[in-house]
N, C-alpha and C. Protein backbone atom coordinates (compact mmCIF):
# COMPACT_ATOMS: atom_id res chain seq x y z
N UNK A 1 52.27 22.77 -41.52
CA UNK A 1 52.50 21.33 -41.47
C UNK A 1 51.27 20.61 -42.03
N UNK A 2 51.50 19.60 -42.83
CA UNK A 2 50.38 18.88 -43.44
C UNK A 2 49.89 17.72 -42.57
N UNK A 3 48.74 17.21 -42.95
CA UNK A 3 48.17 16.00 -42.36
C UNK A 3 48.47 14.85 -43.32
N UNK A 4 48.97 13.76 -42.78
CA UNK A 4 49.30 12.59 -43.59
C UNK A 4 48.32 11.48 -43.28
N UNK A 5 48.00 10.69 -44.28
CA UNK A 5 47.15 9.51 -44.09
C UNK A 5 47.93 8.30 -44.57
N UNK A 6 48.00 7.30 -43.69
CA UNK A 6 48.72 6.07 -43.99
C UNK A 6 47.80 4.87 -43.82
N UNK A 7 48.04 3.87 -44.62
CA UNK A 7 47.41 2.57 -44.42
C UNK A 7 48.42 1.74 -43.65
N UNK A 8 48.00 1.22 -42.50
CA UNK A 8 48.88 0.40 -41.68
C UNK A 8 48.47 -1.04 -41.84
N UNK A 9 49.33 -1.81 -42.47
CA UNK A 9 49.06 -3.22 -42.71
C UNK A 9 49.61 -4.10 -41.62
N UNK A 10 49.59 -5.38 -41.90
CA UNK A 10 50.12 -6.34 -40.94
C UNK A 10 51.59 -6.03 -40.69
N UNK A 11 52.02 -6.32 -39.50
CA UNK A 11 53.40 -6.09 -39.08
C UNK A 11 53.79 -4.62 -39.15
N UNK A 12 52.80 -3.73 -39.00
CA UNK A 12 53.01 -2.28 -38.99
C UNK A 12 53.72 -1.77 -40.25
N UNK A 13 53.35 -2.29 -41.38
CA UNK A 13 53.87 -1.80 -42.66
C UNK A 13 53.02 -0.60 -43.07
N UNK A 14 53.67 0.55 -43.29
CA UNK A 14 52.95 1.77 -43.63
C UNK A 14 52.98 2.03 -45.13
N UNK A 15 51.84 2.45 -45.65
CA UNK A 15 51.72 2.83 -47.06
C UNK A 15 51.04 4.19 -47.12
N UNK A 16 51.76 5.20 -47.57
CA UNK A 16 51.22 6.56 -47.61
C UNK A 16 50.07 6.64 -48.61
N UNK A 17 48.96 7.21 -48.15
CA UNK A 17 47.79 7.40 -49.00
C UNK A 17 47.70 8.82 -49.53
N UNK A 18 48.38 9.75 -48.87
CA UNK A 18 48.37 11.13 -49.33
C UNK A 18 48.62 12.09 -48.20
N UNK A 19 48.66 13.38 -48.54
CA UNK A 19 48.81 14.42 -47.53
C UNK A 19 47.90 15.58 -47.90
N UNK A 20 47.38 16.25 -46.88
CA UNK A 20 46.43 17.33 -47.07
C UNK A 20 46.80 18.50 -46.18
N UNK A 21 46.50 19.72 -46.64
CA UNK A 21 46.87 20.90 -45.86
C UNK A 21 45.94 21.19 -44.69
N UNK A 22 44.72 20.65 -44.72
CA UNK A 22 43.78 20.96 -43.64
C UNK A 22 43.23 19.68 -43.00
N UNK A 23 42.84 19.83 -41.74
CA UNK A 23 42.28 18.71 -40.99
C UNK A 23 41.01 18.20 -41.65
N UNK A 24 40.16 19.11 -42.07
CA UNK A 24 38.87 18.73 -42.64
C UNK A 24 39.03 17.83 -43.86
N UNK A 25 39.93 18.18 -44.76
CA UNK A 25 40.16 17.38 -45.97
C UNK A 25 40.76 16.01 -45.62
N UNK A 26 41.73 16.02 -44.72
CA UNK A 26 42.38 14.76 -44.33
C UNK A 26 41.41 13.83 -43.62
N UNK A 27 40.58 14.38 -42.75
CA UNK A 27 39.61 13.56 -42.01
C UNK A 27 38.57 12.97 -42.96
N UNK A 28 38.11 13.76 -43.91
CA UNK A 28 37.12 13.26 -44.89
C UNK A 28 37.71 12.12 -45.71
N UNK A 29 38.96 12.26 -46.14
CA UNK A 29 39.61 11.21 -46.92
C UNK A 29 39.83 9.96 -46.08
N UNK A 30 40.25 10.14 -44.83
CA UNK A 30 40.48 9.01 -43.94
C UNK A 30 39.19 8.24 -43.71
N UNK A 31 38.11 8.94 -43.47
CA UNK A 31 36.81 8.28 -43.26
C UNK A 31 36.36 7.54 -44.51
N UNK A 32 36.57 8.14 -45.68
CA UNK A 32 36.19 7.47 -46.93
C UNK A 32 37.01 6.19 -47.13
N UNK A 33 38.30 6.25 -46.83
CA UNK A 33 39.16 5.07 -46.97
C UNK A 33 38.76 3.98 -45.97
N UNK A 34 38.41 4.37 -44.76
CA UNK A 34 38.03 3.38 -43.74
C UNK A 34 36.78 2.61 -44.15
N UNK A 35 35.90 3.24 -44.90
CA UNK A 35 34.68 2.56 -45.35
C UNK A 35 34.97 1.47 -46.37
N UNK A 36 36.13 1.54 -47.02
CA UNK A 36 36.48 0.56 -48.04
C UNK A 36 37.26 -0.64 -47.49
N UNK A 37 37.61 -0.59 -46.21
CA UNK A 37 38.42 -1.66 -45.63
C UNK A 37 37.67 -2.97 -45.48
N UNK A 38 38.37 -4.05 -45.72
CA UNK A 38 37.85 -5.38 -45.44
C UNK A 38 38.30 -5.73 -44.02
N UNK A 39 37.37 -5.93 -43.09
CA UNK A 39 37.75 -6.19 -41.70
C UNK A 39 38.62 -7.43 -41.51
N UNK A 40 38.58 -8.34 -42.46
CA UNK A 40 39.36 -9.58 -42.33
C UNK A 40 40.86 -9.35 -42.51
N UNK A 41 41.25 -8.24 -43.15
CA UNK A 41 42.66 -8.00 -43.43
C UNK A 41 43.42 -7.51 -42.21
N UNK A 42 42.74 -6.85 -41.28
CA UNK A 42 43.41 -6.30 -40.11
C UNK A 42 44.11 -4.98 -40.39
N UNK A 43 43.95 -4.44 -41.58
CA UNK A 43 44.56 -3.15 -41.92
C UNK A 43 43.79 -2.02 -41.25
N UNK A 44 44.48 -0.88 -41.09
CA UNK A 44 43.88 0.32 -40.50
C UNK A 44 44.33 1.52 -41.31
N UNK A 45 43.56 2.60 -41.22
CA UNK A 45 43.98 3.87 -41.78
C UNK A 45 44.24 4.82 -40.62
N UNK A 46 45.39 5.48 -40.65
CA UNK A 46 45.78 6.40 -39.60
C UNK A 46 46.05 7.77 -40.20
N UNK A 47 45.57 8.79 -39.51
CA UNK A 47 45.83 10.17 -39.91
C UNK A 47 46.73 10.79 -38.85
N UNK A 48 47.71 11.58 -39.30
CA UNK A 48 48.64 12.20 -38.36
C UNK A 48 49.07 13.56 -38.87
N UNK A 49 49.25 14.48 -37.94
CA UNK A 49 49.72 15.83 -38.22
C UNK A 49 51.20 15.85 -37.89
N UNK A 50 52.05 16.13 -38.88
CA UNK A 50 53.49 16.07 -38.64
C UNK A 50 54.24 17.05 -39.53
N UNK A 51 55.46 17.32 -39.12
CA UNK A 51 56.32 18.26 -39.85
C UNK A 51 56.68 17.75 -41.24
N UNK A 52 56.94 16.44 -41.33
CA UNK A 52 57.27 15.83 -42.62
C UNK A 52 56.88 14.35 -42.59
N UNK A 53 57.02 13.70 -43.73
CA UNK A 53 56.58 12.31 -43.86
C UNK A 53 57.39 11.36 -42.97
N UNK A 54 58.67 11.58 -42.84
CA UNK A 54 59.52 10.72 -42.02
C UNK A 54 59.12 10.82 -40.55
N UNK A 55 58.88 12.04 -40.07
CA UNK A 55 58.44 12.24 -38.69
C UNK A 55 57.09 11.57 -38.45
N UNK A 56 56.19 11.67 -39.42
CA UNK A 56 54.88 11.03 -39.30
C UNK A 56 55.02 9.51 -39.17
N UNK A 57 55.86 8.92 -40.01
CA UNK A 57 56.07 7.47 -39.95
C UNK A 57 56.71 7.06 -38.63
N UNK A 58 57.72 7.81 -38.21
CA UNK A 58 58.39 7.49 -36.94
C UNK A 58 57.42 7.54 -35.77
N UNK A 59 56.54 8.53 -35.77
CA UNK A 59 55.57 8.67 -34.69
C UNK A 59 54.57 7.51 -34.69
N UNK A 60 54.09 7.14 -35.87
CA UNK A 60 53.13 6.04 -35.96
C UNK A 60 53.75 4.69 -35.55
N UNK A 61 55.03 4.53 -35.82
CA UNK A 61 55.68 3.25 -35.54
C UNK A 61 56.32 3.19 -34.15
N UNK A 62 56.34 4.30 -33.44
CA UNK A 62 56.97 4.33 -32.12
C UNK A 62 56.19 3.48 -31.12
N UNK A 63 56.92 2.75 -30.33
CA UNK A 63 56.31 1.95 -29.27
C UNK A 63 55.98 2.87 -28.09
N UNK A 64 54.77 2.75 -27.59
CA UNK A 64 54.37 3.57 -26.44
C UNK A 64 54.55 2.77 -25.17
N UNK A 65 54.92 3.49 -24.11
CA UNK A 65 55.08 2.84 -22.82
C UNK A 65 53.72 2.58 -22.19
N UNK A 66 53.60 1.46 -21.52
CA UNK A 66 52.37 1.10 -20.83
C UNK A 66 52.25 1.93 -19.57
N UNK A 67 51.10 2.53 -19.35
CA UNK A 67 50.84 3.30 -18.15
C UNK A 67 50.50 2.33 -17.03
N UNK A 68 51.40 2.18 -16.08
CA UNK A 68 51.21 1.20 -15.00
C UNK A 68 50.10 1.60 -14.03
N UNK A 69 49.63 2.84 -14.10
CA UNK A 69 48.54 3.25 -13.22
C UNK A 69 47.21 2.64 -13.66
N UNK A 70 47.12 2.23 -14.92
CA UNK A 70 45.89 1.66 -15.43
C UNK A 70 45.84 0.16 -15.14
N UNK A 71 44.76 -0.27 -14.54
CA UNK A 71 44.58 -1.69 -14.25
C UNK A 71 43.12 -2.05 -14.46
N UNK A 72 42.89 -3.32 -14.60
CA UNK A 72 41.52 -3.83 -14.71
C UNK A 72 40.74 -3.17 -15.82
N UNK A 73 39.57 -2.61 -15.47
CA UNK A 73 38.68 -2.00 -16.46
C UNK A 73 39.27 -0.75 -17.08
N UNK A 74 40.19 -0.08 -16.39
CA UNK A 74 40.81 1.14 -16.92
C UNK A 74 41.74 0.82 -18.08
N UNK A 75 42.26 -0.38 -18.12
CA UNK A 75 43.25 -0.76 -19.10
C UNK A 75 42.61 -1.11 -20.35
């Protein structure tokens, strides 16, 4: 399974930046891309390990449930 790197823009719009066979290559590329970001845009780069591109996108866009055990400073 490959590692995918996506640029996540406003409104959770994903733009695939590439895929790599190893964690080391994907992490290096993700870090290099993050250095080029303009903080004013609100964009992010996300790396994910997934079976295919569709699964990677679905996982990144999935809403996570709030853990009700976390309160105050834990949250």
